[in-house]
Amino acid sequence: MIVSLVVAVADNGVIGRDGTLPWRISSDLKTFRRLTMGKPLIMGRRTFQSLQKPLDGRDNIVVTRNADYRPEGAIIAVGFEAALAIARDCATKRGVDEIAVIGGTSVFAEALPIADRIYKTEVHGSPAGDAFFPPVDWHAWEDVSREELPRGPNDDLVVVRREDGPLVVGEDLMTFKVGRTGVEVVPAKAK
């Protein structure tokens, strides 16, 4: 079973502010939907609350220490390991081989040691925030693919794109997926 993290991270490591995203990038939201549709999602309570409703077409598994928390449309897990077991069961029932971890900070931190992939949208900017992506040794990961995300008319953050050369100012946002194990990805340390 593949465990993937799906995250948008600003240059300064910010992933959230006041229980929401500190930017609006419509192409990233569409990519998020495409990457997670039909899969079990593991998220923390605050991430779930920021959504305002369960995400359709996906199992919404919420990690919380509050066993009395029972939001409609969510499956509650009292810890990350319990959430992972539930997600594996949901994935098997759905006939999918991937679980998506979607935040927040502490859930990402627990998932990183076992993650096989990270789908990361690089948000080129340094917005203020109070939620950060945990530290990652990016040398242990290999960039296996990138795709351009066009800037939409309602996007509220200037973005740049990375080409084969230096960083350049542009109208596109890049998403990349990296991984540690499996046929399609090779750990950098094994090269």
Protein backbone atom coordinates (compact mmCIF):
# COMPACT_ATOMS: atom_id res chain seq x y z
CA MET A 1 0.00 0.00 0.00
CA ILE A 2 1.44 3.36 -1.05
CA VAL A 3 1.34 6.14 1.54
CA SER A 4 1.48 9.57 -0.09
CA LEU A 5 1.58 13.06 1.35
CA VAL A 6 -0.30 15.72 -0.62
CA VAL A 7 0.74 19.23 0.36
CA ALA A 8 1.23 22.80 -0.87
CA VAL A 9 4.25 24.44 0.80
CA ALA A 10 5.44 28.03 0.58
CA ASP A 11 9.15 28.87 0.31
CA ASN A 12 9.20 29.57 4.06
CA GLY A 13 7.61 26.19 4.92
CA VAL A 14 4.14 27.60 5.61
CA ILE A 15 1.21 25.29 4.88
CA GLY A 16 -1.54 27.14 6.74
CA ARG A 17 -2.69 30.22 8.62
CA ASP A 18 -5.63 30.57 11.01
CA GLY A 19 -7.06 27.20 9.99
CA THR A 20 -7.00 27.84 6.25
CA LEU A 21 -4.64 28.06 3.29
CA PRO A 22 -2.86 31.43 3.10
CA TRP A 23 -3.29 31.50 -0.69
CA ARG A 24 -5.84 30.61 -3.35
CA ILE A 25 -4.41 28.70 -6.28
CA SER A 26 -7.28 27.12 -8.21
CA SER A 27 -5.05 24.87 -10.34
CA ASP A 28 -3.55 23.41 -7.15
CA LEU A 29 -7.01 22.68 -5.75
CA LYS A 30 -7.91 20.87 -8.99
CA THR A 31 -4.68 18.88 -8.80
CA PHE A 32 -5.42 18.01 -5.16
CA ARG A 33 -8.84 16.70 -6.15
CA ARG A 34 -7.37 14.64 -9.02
CA LEU A 35 -4.67 13.12 -6.79
CA THR A 36 -6.99 12.25 -3.91
CA MET A 37 -10.30 11.30 -5.55
CA GLY A 38 -11.43 7.78 -4.67
CA LYS A 39 -8.73 7.31 -2.02
CA PRO A 40 -8.80 7.24 1.76
CA LEU A 41 -7.58 10.53 3.25
CA ILE A 42 -5.87 10.86 6.62
CA MET A 43 -6.00 14.30 8.23
CA GLY A 44 -5.95 15.98 11.60
CA ARG A 45 -9.03 17.43 13.26
CA ARG A 46 -8.15 21.05 12.47
CA THR A 47 -7.55 20.19 8.82
CA PHE A 48 -10.94 18.48 8.67
CA GLN A 49 -12.63 21.45 10.35
CA SER A 50 -11.02 23.82 7.84
CA LEU A 51 -12.73 21.91 5.01
CA GLN A 52 -16.16 22.75 6.48
CA LYS A 53 -17.56 19.49 5.09
CA PRO A 54 -16.26 16.02 4.21
CA LEU A 55 -14.53 15.73 0.84
CA ASP A 56 -16.80 13.81 -1.53
CA GLY A 57 -15.70 10.58 -3.19
CA ARG A 58 -13.07 9.92 -0.52
CA ASP A 59 -12.94 8.34 2.93
CA ASN A 60 -12.29 11.20 5.38
CA ILE A 61 -10.29 9.70 8.28
CA VAL A 62 -9.73 12.22 11.06
CA VAL A 63 -6.99 11.81 13.67
CA THR A 64 -7.99 13.28 17.03
CA ARG A 65 -7.28 12.64 20.70
CA ASN A 66 -10.89 13.56 21.48
CA ALA A 67 -12.82 10.29 21.30
CA ASP A 68 -16.08 12.26 21.68
CA TYR A 69 -15.48 14.20 18.46
CA ARG A 70 -17.95 12.73 15.92
CA PRO A 71 -18.35 14.92 12.83
CA GLU A 72 -20.80 13.76 10.20
CA GLY A 73 -19.15 12.12 7.19
CA ALA A 74 -15.84 11.35 8.91
CA ILE A 75 -14.24 8.25 10.36
CA ILE A 76 -12.53 8.99 13.68
CA ALA A 77 -9.16 7.53 14.68
CA VAL A 78 -7.60 8.22 18.07
CA GLY A 79 -4.06 8.13 16.69
CA PHE A 80 -2.09 8.00 13.47
CA GLU A 81 -1.48 4.23 13.60
CA ALA A 82 -5.22 3.62 14.02
CA ALA A 83 -5.92 6.00 11.11
CA LEU A 84 -3.42 4.12 8.94
CA ALA A 85 -5.08 0.76 9.73
CA ILE A 86 -8.50 2.21 8.90
CA ALA A 87 -7.16 3.77 5.68
CA ARG A 88 -5.62 0.46 4.58
CA ASP A 89 -8.97 -1.26 5.12
CA CYS A 90 -10.82 1.49 3.22
CA ALA A 91 -8.31 1.33 0.35
CA THR A 92 -8.73 -2.43 0.07
CA LYS A 93 -12.52 -2.08 -0.01
CA ARG A 94 -12.25 0.64 -2.68
CA GLY A 95 -9.74 -1.38 -4.72
CA VAL A 96 -7.06 1.32 -4.61
CA ASP A 97 -3.41 1.01 -3.66
CA GLU A 98 -2.77 4.50 -2.29
CA ILE A 99 -3.59 6.39 0.90
CA ALA A 100 -3.33 10.20 0.89
CA VAL A 101 -2.18 12.07 3.99
CA ILE A 102 -3.32 15.69 3.71
CA GLY A 103 -2.21 17.39 6.94
CA GLY A 104 -1.73 19.17 9.20
CA THR A 105 1.74 19.52 10.62
CA SER A 106 1.65 16.77 13.25
CA VAL A 107 -0.04 14.26 10.93
CA PHE A 108 2.55 14.98 8.23
CA ALA A 109 5.32 14.51 10.83
CA GLU A 110 3.95 11.10 11.81
CA ALA A 111 3.51 10.03 8.18
CA LEU A 112 6.91 11.16 6.84
CA PRO A 113 8.93 8.16 8.14
CA ILE A 114 6.66 5.72 6.28
CA ALA A 115 5.76 7.84 3.25
CA ASP A 116 6.43 6.44 -0.21
CA ARG A 117 5.58 9.61 -2.13
CA ILE A 118 5.13 13.31 -1.62
CA TYR A 119 3.00 15.30 -4.03
CA LYS A 120 4.22 18.81 -3.27
CA THR A 121 3.05 22.05 -4.78
CA GLU A 122 5.83 24.61 -4.42
CA VAL A 123 4.26 27.97 -3.62
CA HIS A 124 6.88 30.58 -4.36
CA GLY A 125 6.24 33.23 -1.78
CA SER A 126 6.64 33.67 1.97
CA PRO A 127 3.20 34.31 3.44
CA ALA A 128 2.66 34.63 7.17
CA GLY A 129 1.46 31.41 8.72
CA ASP A 130 1.10 29.35 11.86
CA ALA A 131 1.28 25.84 10.39
CA PHE A 132 4.49 24.54 8.81
CA PHE A 133 5.53 21.45 6.87
CA PRO A 134 7.89 19.37 9.04
CA PRO A 135 11.61 19.33 8.17
CA VAL A 136 12.48 16.89 5.39
CA ASP A 137 15.86 15.61 4.24
CA TRP A 138 15.18 16.23 0.55
CA HIS A 139 18.49 14.53 -0.35
CA ALA A 140 16.84 11.23 0.62
CA TRP A 141 14.16 11.78 -2.02
CA GLU A 142 14.30 11.82 -5.80
CA ASP A 143 12.27 14.20 -7.94
CA VAL A 144 10.61 11.76 -10.37
CA SER A 145 8.19 14.02 -12.21
CA ARG A 146 7.02 17.61 -12.52
CA GLU A 147 3.97 19.10 -14.13
CA GLU A 148 3.08 22.69 -14.78
CA LEU A 149 0.02 24.15 -13.13
CA PRO A 150 -1.22 27.17 -15.05
CA ARG A 151 -1.90 30.32 -13.12
CA GLY A 152 -5.62 30.96 -12.92
CA PRO A 153 -7.35 34.35 -13.10
CA ASN A 154 -8.39 34.16 -9.43
CA ASP A 155 -5.06 33.00 -8.02
CA ASP A 156 -3.89 35.39 -5.34
CA LEU A 157 -0.17 34.69 -5.16
CA VAL A 158 2.52 35.44 -7.70
CA VAL A 159 4.19 32.20 -8.62
CA VAL A 160 7.35 31.22 -10.45
CA ARG A 161 8.44 28.18 -12.33
CA ARG A 162 11.61 26.15 -12.25
CA GLU A 163 13.10 25.12 -15.57
CA ASP A 164 16.23 23.05 -16.22
CA GLY A 165 18.30 26.12 -15.44
CA PRO A 166 17.94 28.76 -12.74
CA LEU A 167 14.72 29.86 -11.11
CA VAL A 168 12.84 32.28 -13.34
CA VAL A 169 9.80 34.47 -12.86
CA GLY A 170 6.84 33.07 -14.75
CA GLU A 171 3.13 32.46 -14.86
CA ASP A 172 3.18 28.80 -13.83
CA LEU A 173 3.34 26.86 -10.61
CA MET A 174 5.16 23.57 -10.57
CA THR A 175 4.03 20.45 -8.78
CA PHE A 176 6.32 17.55 -8.26
CA LYS A 177 6.01 14.10 -6.91
CA VAL A 178 8.91 12.42 -5.17
CA GLY A 179 9.23 9.05 -3.59
CA ARG A 180 11.36 6.68 -1.58
CA THR A 181 10.29 3.19 -2.61
CA GLY A 182 8.59 1.26 -5.36
CA VAL A 183 9.30 0.51 -8.98
CA GLU A 184 8.91 4.02 -10.34
CA VAL A 185 10.97 5.83 -7.72
CA VAL A 186 14.47 5.30 -6.40
CA PRO A 187 15.89 6.64 -3.13
CA ALA A 188 18.70 9.08 -3.81
CA LYS A 189 20.95 7.19 -1.38
CA ALA A 190 20.69 4.00 -3.49
CA LYS A 191 22.08 5.61 -6.65
